[in-house]
């Protein structure tokens, strides 16, 4: 049976670039890999066909010969069919799919590794977020065992794994080629502990609580993330620490509401204050401020207090505070109050419009 064209096998045009050929092969290798299709002879053949095609088209010189002579090159001897060693060096193509990075028993010792990053959620008040604060937090994390120096061994060193003989991988035959799997005895490290450290019981690390003085900058918002470099878990076998990420959660405020760097609040005023005008005191993050309410102010009117908002993390200056006044209508009136309002209503009705209503209100309340 004649061979299919290699470009057809990979499903790429003849002018395909190197990256397109590599990507096409990777998809086919993952799709038809024997581990994913156990007992499927057809998938195994397609897998081998794709590997053979890539072994030629993935090599610039072989590809040039193939484009010139087809399947008969080089030197009329052909390209030799499927060769299992085609997988050597393909780790960058197949990554860790199905253990391809370890085919034919390539060593992959773990040794010292970077520790894991940690997450810590911290809840602070509205004022602390806006103005900044310093607080103490306690974070549980892995610490390198001081007794064994992180080796997990009381003697300070590990021995080669008797199962994989230090390779970290166990090789076995599957179908037409050999496959290596991570050694279950040593977990792929290639070494085991025979004389476990009494302090950490062979783990090399201990779980401890570490206290930090954490400085929260002014202007952090809900979901803000602070990174403390090298304050995460200690790495295995004395590896570098990971990082600690502190996520900020802000408690809701009973009076203020925040949007980016601006602060919003609602302030109640009486009917008389709205009609006659007044000067009211408004709380801000930086103390009380006075706001002049002009006569005839309607409910929902917004006043701006410049620079009384939250400091900006990414720029200079602060946001503003916006004060919305709401006219409060009394629910219960005494006899005198009712009489005054009835007199006001009569005067307004006689006038027929609102032209001099504020002057009349002043006369009644004065």
Protein backbone atom coordinates (compact mmCIF):
# COMPACT_ATOMS: atom_id res chain seq x y z
CA UNK A 1 0.00 0.00 0.00
CA UNK A 2 1.39 3.41 -0.97
CA UNK A 3 2.11 5.89 1.76
CA UNK A 4 -0.01 8.95 2.25
CA UNK A 5 1.56 12.30 1.61
CA UNK A 6 3.14 13.57 4.84
CA UNK A 7 1.50 16.98 4.48
CA UNK A 8 -1.85 15.23 4.12
CA UNK A 9 -1.14 13.12 7.21
CA UNK A 10 -0.57 16.21 9.35
CA UNK A 11 -3.33 18.15 7.64
CA UNK A 12 -1.17 21.15 6.69
CA UNK A 13 -0.47 22.86 3.34
CA UNK A 14 2.89 22.40 1.64
CA UNK A 15 3.90 25.97 2.49
CA UNK A 16 3.09 25.52 6.20
CA UNK A 17 5.51 27.09 8.66
CA UNK A 18 7.51 25.18 11.26
CA UNK A 19 5.18 26.20 14.10
CA UNK A 20 2.08 25.09 12.16
CA UNK A 21 3.64 21.67 11.48
CA UNK A 22 4.61 21.28 15.12
CA UNK A 23 1.13 22.29 16.31
CA UNK A 24 -0.60 19.91 13.89
CA UNK A 25 1.58 17.00 14.98
CA UNK A 26 1.01 17.73 18.66
CA UNK A 27 -2.79 17.61 18.22
CA UNK A 28 -2.62 14.28 16.38
CA UNK A 29 -0.19 12.79 18.90
CA UNK A 30 -2.48 13.65 21.78
CA UNK A 31 -5.58 12.45 19.92
CA UNK A 32 -4.22 9.06 18.84
CA UNK A 33 -1.84 8.26 21.70
CA UNK A 34 -2.14 4.59 22.77
CA UNK A 35 -2.72 5.57 26.40
CA UNK A 36 -5.82 7.42 25.32
CA UNK A 37 -6.94 4.66 22.94
CA UNK A 38 -6.04 1.34 24.64
CA UNK A 39 -6.44 -1.66 22.37
CA UNK A 40 -7.27 0.48 19.33
CA UNK A 41 -4.94 -0.75 16.60
CA UNK A 42 -6.18 1.85 14.13
CA UNK A 43 -5.36 4.71 16.52
CA UNK A 44 -1.91 3.21 17.11
CA UNK A 45 -1.22 3.11 13.36
CA UNK A 46 -2.37 6.72 12.94
CA UNK A 47 -0.17 7.71 15.84
CA UNK A 48 2.86 6.09 14.21
CA UNK A 49 1.98 7.62 10.84
CA UNK A 50 1.81 11.13 12.35
CA UNK A 51 5.13 10.60 14.16
CA UNK A 52 6.81 9.45 10.94
CA UNK A 53 5.44 12.45 9.04
CA UNK A 54 6.69 14.87 11.66
CA UNK A 55 10.12 13.22 11.83
CA UNK A 56 10.55 14.27 8.20
CA UNK A 57 8.65 17.56 7.93
CA UNK A 58 9.92 18.74 11.32
CA UNK A 59 13.53 18.53 10.09
CA UNK A 60 14.40 21.30 7.58
CA UNK A 61 16.91 19.17 5.65
CA UNK A 62 14.68 16.08 5.50
CA UNK A 63 11.75 18.24 4.48
CA UNK A 64 13.75 19.75 1.62
CA UNK A 65 14.66 16.25 0.41
CA UNK A 66 11.04 15.11 0.74
CA UNK A 67 9.76 18.11 -1.21
CA UNK A 68 12.25 17.23 -3.97
CA UNK A 69 12.08 13.43 -4.14
CA UNK A 70 8.92 12.49 -2.24
CA UNK A 71 8.87 9.19 -0.33
CA UNK A 72 11.81 7.84 -2.39
CA UNK A 73 14.39 10.20 -0.92
CA UNK A 74 17.00 10.34 0.34
CA UNK A 75 19.15 8.55 -2.24
CA UNK A 76 16.16 6.40 -3.33
CA UNK A 77 16.30 4.59 0.01
CA UNK A 78 13.16 6.15 1.37
CA UNK A 79 12.76 7.71 4.81
CA UNK A 80 12.78 4.45 6.72
CA UNK A 81 9.23 4.37 8.10
CA UNK A 82 8.40 4.79 11.80
CA UNK A 83 11.29 5.08 14.21
CA UNK A 84 10.50 5.19 17.97
CA UNK A 85 13.51 7.43 18.60
CA UNK A 86 11.64 10.15 16.79
CA UNK A 87 10.25 11.07 20.24
CA UNK A 88 13.66 11.92 21.66
CA UNK A 89 13.76 15.66 22.28
CA UNK A 90 10.02 16.15 21.69
CA UNK A 91 9.35 17.39 25.23
CA UNK A 92 8.81 20.93 23.95
CA UNK A 93 6.11 19.64 21.60
CA UNK A 94 4.23 17.20 23.78
CA UNK A 95 5.05 18.61 27.21
CA UNK A 96 3.87 16.30 29.99
CA UNK A 97 1.04 14.67 28.03
CA UNK A 98 1.03 10.97 28.81
CA UNK A 99 4.55 11.17 30.24
CA UNK A 100 6.24 11.97 26.91
CA UNK A 101 8.89 14.00 28.65
CA UNK A 102 10.17 10.78 30.21
CA UNK A 103 10.08 8.35 27.27
CA UNK A 104 13.05 5.98 27.18
CA UNK A 105 13.89 6.59 30.83
CA UNK A 106 15.16 10.16 30.62
CA UNK A 107 16.04 11.30 34.13
CA UNK A 108 13.89 13.93 35.72
CA UNK A 109 14.90 14.42 39.29
CA UNK A 110 13.02 16.90 41.34
CA UNK A 111 15.54 17.89 43.97
CA UNK A 112 15.18 21.33 45.50
CA UNK A 113 12.08 23.11 44.21
CA UNK A 114 10.42 26.43 44.80
CA UNK A 115 7.76 26.33 47.48
CA UNK A 116 4.08 26.99 46.83
CA UNK A 117 2.57 30.45 46.80
CA UNK A 118 0.11 31.10 49.62
CA UNK A 119 -3.12 33.09 49.78
CA UNK A 120 -4.32 34.92 52.88
CA UNK A 121 -7.66 36.76 53.03
CA UNK A 122 -7.70 39.85 55.25
CA UNK A 123 -10.79 41.83 56.22
CA UNK A 124 -10.33 45.49 57.14
CA UNK A 125 -12.62 48.46 57.83
CA UNK A 126 -13.67 51.10 55.32
CA UNK A 127 -11.50 53.69 57.07
CA UNK A 128 -8.44 51.42 57.18
CA UNK A 129 -8.71 50.81 53.44
CA UNK A 130 -9.11 54.48 52.62
CA UNK A 131 -6.51 55.92 54.98
CA UNK A 132 -4.06 53.02 55.21
CA UNK A 133 -3.09 51.06 58.30
CA UNK A 134 -0.60 48.63 59.75
CA UNK A 135 -1.81 45.35 61.19
CA UNK A 136 -0.44 42.02 62.39
CA UNK A 137 -1.48 38.81 60.65
CA UNK A 138 -0.67 35.19 61.41
CA UNK A 139 -0.21 32.88 58.43
CA UNK A 140 0.27 29.09 58.63
CA UNK A 141 3.02 27.99 56.25
CA UNK A 142 5.65 25.28 55.68
CA UNK A 143 9.03 25.88 57.27
CA UNK A 144 12.24 24.02 56.48
CA UNK A 145 12.97 21.57 59.28
CA UNK A 146 15.86 22.85 61.34
CA UNK A 147 16.86 19.38 62.53
CA UNK A 148 17.52 17.82 59.12
CA UNK A 149 17.99 20.94 57.00
CA UNK A 150 15.03 20.00 54.80
CA UNK A 151 16.38 16.59 53.75
CA UNK A 152 13.92 14.63 55.89
CA UNK A 153 16.77 12.40 57.01
CA UNK A 154 18.30 12.36 60.48
CA UNK A 155 21.71 11.78 58.88
CA UNK A 156 21.20 14.76 56.57
CA UNK A 157 21.09 12.90 53.25
CA UNK A 158 18.87 10.58 51.19
CA UNK A 159 19.73 7.38 49.36
CA UNK A 160 18.93 6.30 45.81
CA UNK A 161 15.48 4.79 45.42
CA UNK A 162 15.74 0.97 45.20
CA UNK A 163 12.82 0.82 42.74
CA UNK A 164 13.99 3.28 40.07
CA UNK A 165 17.68 3.31 41.07
CA UNK A 166 17.75 7.07 41.32
CA UNK A 167 16.13 7.83 37.95
CA UNK A 168 12.78 8.89 39.39
CA UNK A 169 11.09 6.95 36.57
CA UNK A 170 10.13 3.32 36.02
CA UNK A 171 10.24 2.11 32.42
CA UNK A 172 8.02 -0.55 30.93
CA UNK A 173 7.06 -1.75 27.46
CA UNK A 174 3.71 -0.79 25.98
CA UNK A 175 2.95 -1.73 22.42
CA UNK A 176 5.64 -0.60 20.02
CA UNK A 177 7.73 1.58 22.33
CA UNK A 178 8.90 1.99 25.91
CA UNK A 179 7.19 4.39 28.27
CA UNK A 180 8.48 5.77 31.56
CA UNK A 181 6.23 6.59 34.47
CA UNK A 182 6.91 8.45 37.68
CA UNK A 183 8.23 6.07 40.31
CA UNK A 184 5.58 5.50 42.98
CA UNK A 185 8.15 4.64 45.64
CA UNK A 186 10.03 7.95 45.60
CA UNK A 187 7.40 10.11 43.88
CA UNK A 188 9.82 10.88 41.05
CA UNK A 189 12.55 12.32 43.25
CA UNK A 190 14.92 9.42 42.70
CA UNK A 191 15.84 9.34 46.38
CA UNK A 192 14.22 8.02 49.52
CA UNK A 193 14.65 8.55 53.25
CA UNK A 194 15.66 5.50 55.26
CA UNK A 195 16.40 7.21 58.57
CA UNK A 196 13.49 9.63 58.89
CA UNK A 197 14.01 12.78 60.91
CA UNK A 198 12.09 12.56 64.17
CA UNK A 199 11.17 16.21 64.07
CA UNK A 200 9.52 16.34 60.63
CA UNK A 201 9.00 12.56 60.20
CA UNK A 202 10.86 12.50 56.93
CA UNK A 203 8.95 15.35 55.29
CA UNK A 204 11.77 17.86 55.48
CA UNK A 205 9.28 20.60 56.37
CA UNK A 206 7.11 21.53 59.34
CA UNK A 207 3.83 23.43 59.49
CA UNK A 208 4.16 26.56 61.59
CA UNK A 209 2.37 29.86 62.07
CA UNK A 210 4.29 32.97 61.12
CA UNK A 211 3.33 36.47 62.31
CA UNK A 212 3.76 39.43 59.93
CA UNK A 213 3.48 43.16 60.43
CA UNK A 214 1.54 44.06 57.30
CA UNK A 215 1.40 47.63 56.02
CA UNK A 216 -1.79 48.39 54.10
CA UNK A 217 -1.33 51.39 51.77
CA UNK A 218 -4.01 54.09 51.66
CA UNK A 219 -6.47 53.62 48.83
CA UNK A 220 -6.65 49.82 48.58
CA UNK A 221 -9.98 48.57 47.27
CA UNK A 222 -12.01 45.40 47.60
CA UNK A 223 -10.08 42.59 45.92
CA UNK A 224 -6.74 44.41 46.03
CA UNK A 225 -3.82 42.00 46.28
CA UNK A 226 -0.59 42.56 48.18
CA UNK A 227 2.42 40.38 47.36
CA UNK A 228 5.01 39.50 49.98
CA UNK A 229 7.92 38.03 48.08
CA UNK A 230 9.49 34.83 49.46
CA UNK A 231 7.05 34.61 52.38
CA UNK A 232 5.13 31.55 51.14
CA UNK A 233 5.82 27.86 51.75
CA UNK A 234 9.40 26.66 51.97
CA UNK A 235 10.41 24.53 49.00
CA UNK A 236 11.18 20.78 49.19
CA UNK A 237 14.78 19.89 50.06
CA UNK A 238 15.67 23.46 50.97
CA UNK A 239 14.20 25.05 47.84
CA UNK A 240 13.34 28.75 47.66
CA UNK A 241 10.18 29.98 49.28
CA UNK A 242 7.08 30.81 47.31
CA UNK A 243 5.31 34.15 47.68
CA UNK A 244 2.49 35.20 49.98
CA UNK A 245 -0.50 36.98 48.44
CA UNK A 246 -2.79 38.92 50.76
CA UNK A 247 -6.28 39.59 49.34
CA UNK A 248 -8.11 42.57 50.82
CA UNK A 249 -11.80 42.44 51.78
CA UNK A 250 -13.43 45.66 53.02
CA UNK A 251 -16.34 45.77 55.45
CA UNK A 252 -19.36 47.79 54.37
CA UNK A 253 -19.74 51.21 56.02
CA UNK A 254 -23.03 52.28 57.54
CA UNK A 255 -22.75 55.81 56.15
CA UNK A 256 -20.21 55.95 53.30
CA UNK A 257 -20.27 54.21 49.93
CA UNK A 258 -17.25 54.06 47.65
CA UNK A 259 -16.86 54.00 43.88
CA UNK A 260 -13.21 53.97 42.80
CA UNK A 261 -11.66 57.01 44.54
CA UNK A 262 -14.93 58.84 45.22
CA UNK A 263 -17.10 58.59 48.34
CA UNK A 264 -20.87 58.99 48.41
CA UNK A 265 -23.23 59.59 51.33
CA UNK A 266 -26.80 60.65 52.05
CA UNK A 267 -27.66 63.35 54.61
CA UNK A 268 -31.21 64.02 55.83
CA UNK A 269 -32.42 67.62 56.20
CA UNK A 270 -35.70 69.01 57.44
CA UNK A 271 -38.41 70.62 55.34
CA UNK A 272 -37.56 73.97 56.93
CA UNK A 273 -33.85 73.63 56.15
CA UNK A 274 -34.64 72.82 52.53
CA UNK A 275 -37.08 75.68 52.17
CA UNK A 276 -35.27 78.37 54.12
CA UNK A 277 -31.68 77.27 53.54
CA UNK A 278 -29.14 76.34 56.20
CA UNK A 279 -25.53 75.39 56.88
CA UNK A 280 -25.14 71.76 57.87
CA UNK A 281 -22.22 69.67 59.11
CA UNK A 282 -21.26 66.58 57.12
CA UNK A 283 -18.90 63.82 58.34
CA UNK A 284 -15.94 62.95 56.10
CA UNK A 285 -12.96 60.63 56.47
CA UNK A 286 -10.94 63.65 57.57
CA UNK A 287 -13.36 65.22 60.06
CA UNK A 288 -16.52 67.31 59.77
CA UNK A 289 -17.08 69.70 56.87
CA UNK A 290 -19.73 72.41 56.51
CA UNK A 291 -22.06 72.44 53.53
CA UNK A 292 -24.22 75.46 52.69
CA UNK A 293 -27.72 74.40 51.69
CA UNK A 294 -29.37 77.19 49.70
CA UNK A 295 -33.04 78.01 50.18
CA UNK A 296 -35.37 76.03 47.96
CA UNK A 297 -33.09 72.97 47.87
CA UNK A 298 -34.90 69.94 46.47
CA UNK A 299 -34.53 66.41 47.78
CA UNK A 300 -31.83 64.52 45.85
CA UNK A 301 -29.62 67.57 45.36
CA UNK A 302 -25.93 66.61 45.33
CA UNK A 303 -23.10 68.68 46.82
CA UNK A 304 -19.44 68.03 46.06
CA UNK A 305 -16.65 68.16 48.63
CA UNK A 306 -13.48 68.33 46.59
CA UNK A 307 -10.53 66.22 47.72
CA UNK A 308 -12.42 64.49 50.54
CA UNK A 309 -12.44 61.09 48.88
CA UNK A 310 -10.01 58.18 48.88
CA UNK A 311 -6.30 58.57 47.96
CA UNK A 312 -5.48 57.09 44.57
CA UNK A 313 -3.12 54.12 44.51
CA UNK A 314 -2.04 54.72 40.92
CA UNK A 315 -1.84 58.51 40.87
CA UNK A 316 -1.48 61.59 43.04
CA UNK A 317 -4.31 63.28 44.91
CA UNK A 318 -7.61 62.10 46.28
CA UNK A 319 -11.10 61.61 44.97
CA UNK A 320 -14.11 63.69 46.01
CA UNK A 321 -17.01 63.18 48.38
CA UNK A 322 -20.53 63.61 47.03
CA UNK A 323 -23.28 64.50 49.52
CA UNK A 324 -26.90 63.87 48.55
CA UNK A 325 -29.47 65.66 50.72
CA UNK A 326 -32.86 64.09 51.30
CA UNK A 327 -35.74 66.16 52.67
CA UNK A 328 -37.36 64.30 55.57
CA UNK A 329 -41.12 64.70 55.90
CA UNK A 330 -42.16 64.36 59.55
CA UNK A 331 -44.47 61.39 60.24
CA UNK A 332 -46.15 62.87 63.33
CA UNK A 333 -46.98 66.58 63.83
CA UNK A 334 -48.19 68.28 66.98
CA UNK A 335 -51.06 70.74 66.97
CA UNK A 336 -48.89 73.84 66.56
CA UNK A 337 -46.91 72.31 63.67
CA UNK A 338 -50.07 71.33 61.86
CA UNK A 339 -51.46 74.82 62.33
CA UNK A 340 -48.34 76.42 60.85
CA UNK A 341 -48.35 74.12 57.82
CA UNK A 342 -52.07 74.69 57.25
CA UNK A 343 -51.43 78.43 57.31
CA UNK A 344 -48.60 77.93 54.79
CA UNK A 345 -50.84 75.89 52.52
CA UNK A 346 -53.53 78.62 52.68
CA UNK A 347 -51.06 81.33 51.78
CA UNK A 348 -49.73 79.31 48.87
CA UNK A 349 -53.25 78.69 47.60
CA UNK A 350 -54.12 82.39 47.81
CA UNK A 351 -50.93 83.32 46.00
CA UNK A 352 -51.65 80.90 43.20
CA UNK A 353 -47.95 80.27 42.54
CA UNK A 354 -44.68 79.67 44.39
CA UNK A 355 -43.21 83.14 43.69
CA UNK A 356 -43.11 84.46 47.28
CA UNK A 357 -43.53 81.19 49.15
CA UNK A 358 -40.08 81.29 50.71
CA UNK A 359 -40.62 84.79 52.05
CA UNK A 360 -43.91 83.68 53.62
CA UNK A 361 -42.21 80.58 55.11
CA UNK A 362 -39.62 82.84 56.68
CA UNK A 363 -42.34 85.00 58.21
CA UNK A 364 -44.19 82.00 59.65
CA UNK A 365 -41.15 80.29 61.15
CA UNK A 366 -39.69 83.53 62.41
